[in-house]
Amino acid sequence: FLQFPSLGEEFDVRAMRVSMDDRSTFDELKAEVVGYVERECAASGGDGSDGGRSVYLMGESFGGILATQVSVELYGRESVDLRGLILVNPATCYKRSGLYE
């Protein structure tokens, strides 16, 4: 993990990169990340309560917006033990976002 290498010492860090020529919609990207997280949690034994994988989502810039919406989608699902959301320089204006309303 290039920007925060020490995170890899304590966590199983996964990274997603969206290429400049990717024309997926925001909802398609969100669905892809949600599906990936759910598949990884299922492969590791389910939610964190029975020894499965606990999840912390982290997003930087546009990834912060995406991670926020993914966490909203995953929140409360039995299949994912979502423990936290970390935003690094999120590319958003709070007062213009749907979160402000």
C-alpha atoms as a PDB file:
ATOM      1  CA  PHE A   1       0.000   0.000   0.000  1.00  0.00           C
ATOM      2  CA  LEU A   2       1.912   2.986  -1.301  1.00  0.00           C
ATOM      3  CA  GLN A   3       0.657   5.940   0.741  1.00  0.00           C
ATOM      4  CA  PHE A   4       0.249   4.253   4.097  1.00  0.00           C
ATOM      5  CA  PRO A   5       2.596   1.231   4.100  1.00  0.00           C
ATOM      6  CA  SER A   6       2.386   0.708   7.860  1.00  0.00           C
ATOM      7  CA  LEU A   7      -1.339  -0.078   7.562  1.00  0.00           C
ATOM      8  CA  GLY A   8      -0.358  -3.310   5.836  1.00  0.00           C
ATOM      9  CA  GLU A   9       1.464  -4.426   8.969  1.00  0.00           C
ATOM     10  CA  GLU A  10      -1.747  -4.471  11.012  1.00  0.00           C
ATOM     11  CA  PHE A  11      -4.480  -4.888   8.399  1.00  0.00           C
ATOM     12  CA  ASP A  12      -5.177  -6.863   5.240  1.00  0.00           C
ATOM     13  CA  VAL A  13      -5.248  -3.809   2.960  1.00  0.00           C
ATOM     14  CA  ARG A  14      -7.027  -3.948  -0.390  1.00  0.00           C
ATOM     15  CA  ALA A  15      -6.997  -1.117  -2.907  1.00  0.00           C
ATOM     16  CA  MET A  16      -9.271  -0.246  -5.786  1.00  0.00           C
ATOM     17  CA  ARG A  17      -8.182   1.912  -8.683  1.00  0.00           C
ATOM     18  CA  VAL A  18     -10.549   3.365 -11.252  1.00  0.00           C
ATOM     19  CA  SER A  19      -8.777   3.969 -14.533  1.00  0.00           C
ATOM     20  CA  MET A  20      -9.265   7.242 -16.382  1.00  0.00           C
ATOM     21  CA  ASP A  21     -10.999   5.474 -19.276  1.00  0.00           C
ATOM     22  CA  ASP A  22     -13.514   3.662 -17.042  1.00  0.00           C
ATOM     23  CA  ARG A  23     -16.980   4.989 -17.847  1.00  0.00           C
ATOM     24  CA  SER A  24     -18.875   3.138 -15.128  1.00  0.00           C
ATOM     25  CA  THR A  25     -21.570   5.125 -13.392  1.00  0.00           C
ATOM     26  CA  PHE A  26     -21.244   5.940  -9.717  1.00  0.00           C
ATOM     27  CA  ASP A  27     -23.932   3.370  -8.901  1.00  0.00           C
ATOM     28  CA  GLU A  28     -22.079   0.708 -10.904  1.00  0.00           C
ATOM     29  CA  LEU A  29     -18.848   1.441  -9.030  1.00  0.00           C
ATOM     30  CA  LYS A  30     -20.691   1.357  -5.719  1.00  0.00           C
ATOM     31  CA  ALA A  31     -22.331  -1.977  -6.563  1.00  0.00           C
ATOM     32  CA  GLU A  32     -18.956  -3.441  -7.557  1.00  0.00           C
ATOM     33  CA  VAL A  33     -17.334  -2.427  -4.264  1.00  0.00           C
ATOM     34  CA  VAL A  34     -20.310  -3.607  -2.185  1.00  0.00           C
ATOM     35  CA  GLY A  35     -20.260  -6.964  -3.967  1.00  0.00           C
ATOM     36  CA  TYR A  36     -16.508  -7.305  -3.502  1.00  0.00           C
ATOM     37  CA  VAL A  37     -16.694  -6.584   0.236  1.00  0.00           C
ATOM     38  CA  GLU A  38     -19.570  -9.027   0.684  1.00  0.00           C
ATOM     39  CA  ARG A  39     -17.758 -11.778  -1.245  1.00  0.00           C
ATOM     40  CA  GLU A  40     -14.553 -11.269   0.757  1.00  0.00           C
ATOM     41  CA  CYS A  41     -16.449 -11.367   4.055  1.00  0.00           C
ATOM     42  CA  ALA A  42     -18.292 -14.532   3.019  1.00  0.00           C
ATOM     43  CA  ALA A  43     -14.994 -16.170   2.030  1.00  0.00           C
ATOM     44  CA  SER A  44     -13.471 -15.329   5.406  1.00  0.00           C
ATOM     45  CA  GLY A  45     -16.237 -16.851   7.481  1.00  0.00           C
ATOM     46  CA  GLY A  46     -18.955 -14.234   7.718  1.00  0.00           C
ATOM     47  CA  ASP A  47     -19.269 -11.333  10.101  1.00  0.00           C
ATOM     48  CA  GLY A  48     -16.554 -10.469  12.597  1.00  0.00           C
ATOM     49  CA  SER A  49     -18.444 -11.975  15.532  1.00  0.00           C
ATOM     50  CA  ASP A  50     -17.465 -15.545  14.651  1.00  0.00           C
ATOM     51  CA  GLY A  51     -13.855 -14.951  13.709  1.00  0.00           C
ATOM     52  CA  GLY A  52     -14.588 -13.621  10.233  1.00  0.00           C
ATOM     53  CA  ARG A  53     -13.248 -10.418   8.779  1.00  0.00           C
ATOM     54  CA  SER A  54     -13.999  -7.019  10.291  1.00  0.00           C
ATOM     55  CA  VAL A  55     -14.092  -4.248   7.684  1.00  0.00           C
ATOM     56  CA  TYR A  56     -12.844  -0.671   7.766  1.00  0.00           C
ATOM     57  CA  LEU A  57     -13.457   1.264   4.573  1.00  0.00           C
ATOM     58  CA  MET A  58     -11.021   3.993   3.618  1.00  0.00           C
ATOM     59  CA  GLY A  59     -11.347   6.358   0.713  1.00  0.00           C
ATOM     60  CA  GLU A  60      -9.241   9.219  -0.563  1.00  0.00           C
ATOM     61  CA  SER A  61     -10.576  12.069  -2.711  1.00  0.00           C
ATOM     62  CA  PHE A  62     -13.301  10.600  -4.978  1.00  0.00           C
ATOM     63  CA  GLY A  63     -12.786   7.324  -3.111  1.00  0.00           C
ATOM     64  CA  GLY A  64     -13.977   9.098   0.034  1.00  0.00           C
ATOM     65  CA  ILE A  65     -17.318   9.813  -1.592  1.00  0.00           C
ATOM     66  CA  LEU A  66     -17.527   6.253  -2.890  1.00  0.00           C
ATOM     67  CA  ALA A  67     -16.534   4.730   0.469  1.00  0.00           C
ATOM     68  CA  THR A  68     -19.179   6.844   2.226  1.00  0.00           C
ATOM     69  CA  GLN A  69     -21.935   5.559  -0.030  1.00  0.00           C
ATOM     70  CA  VAL A  70     -20.648   1.979   0.163  1.00  0.00           C
ATOM     71  CA  SER A  71     -20.716   2.181   3.961  1.00  0.00           C
ATOM     72  CA  VAL A  72     -24.311   3.450   3.860  1.00  0.00           C
ATOM     73  CA  GLU A  73     -25.211   0.483   1.655  1.00  0.00           C
ATOM     74  CA  LEU A  74     -23.417  -2.042   3.901  1.00  0.00           C
ATOM     75  CA  TYR A  75     -24.499  -0.596   7.248  1.00  0.00           C
ATOM     76  CA  GLY A  76     -26.600  -3.068   9.221  1.00  0.00           C
ATOM     77  CA  ARG A  77     -26.058  -6.029   6.915  1.00  0.00           C
ATOM     78  CA  GLU A  78     -25.466  -9.254   8.781  1.00  0.00           C
ATOM     79  CA  SER A  79     -22.969 -10.411   6.162  1.00  0.00           C
ATOM     80  CA  VAL A  80     -20.467  -7.590   6.811  1.00  0.00           C
ATOM     81  CA  ASP A  81     -18.942  -6.513  10.114  1.00  0.00           C
ATOM     82  CA  LEU A  82     -18.430  -2.860   9.160  1.00  0.00           C
ATOM     83  CA  ARG A  83     -16.347  -1.317  11.931  1.00  0.00           C
ATOM     84  CA  GLY A  84     -15.439   2.086  10.544  1.00  0.00           C
ATOM     85  CA  LEU A  85     -15.106   4.588   7.742  1.00  0.00           C
ATOM     86  CA  ILE A  86     -11.906   6.569   7.193  1.00  0.00           C
ATOM     87  CA  LEU A  87     -11.964   9.558   4.852  1.00  0.00           C
ATOM     88  CA  VAL A  88      -8.716  11.055   3.549  1.00  0.00           C
ATOM     89  CA  ASN A  89      -9.142  14.397   1.799  1.00  0.00           C
ATOM     90  CA  PRO A  90     -12.671  13.549   0.576  1.00  0.00           C
ATOM     91  CA  ALA A  91     -13.651  15.390  -2.601  1.00  0.00           C
ATOM     92  CA  THR A  92     -16.942  16.749  -1.392  1.00  0.00           C
ATOM     93  CA  CYS A  93     -18.614  19.855  -0.169  1.00  0.00           C
ATOM     94  CA  TYR A  94     -20.697  18.869   2.840  1.00  0.00           C
ATOM     95  CA  LYS A  95     -23.301  21.609   2.386  1.00  0.00           C
ATOM     96  CA  ARG A  96     -23.913  20.584  -1.226  1.00  0.00           C
ATOM     97  CA  SER A  97     -24.060  16.859  -0.490  1.00  0.00           C
ATOM     98  CA  GLY A  98     -27.046  14.654   0.204  1.00  0.00           C
ATOM     99  CA  LEU A  99     -25.673  14.140   3.713  1.00  0.00           C
ATOM    100  CA  TYR A 100     -26.419  17.773   4.625  1.00  0.00           C
ATOM    101  CA  GLU A 101     -30.162  17.489   3.871  1.00  0.00           C
END
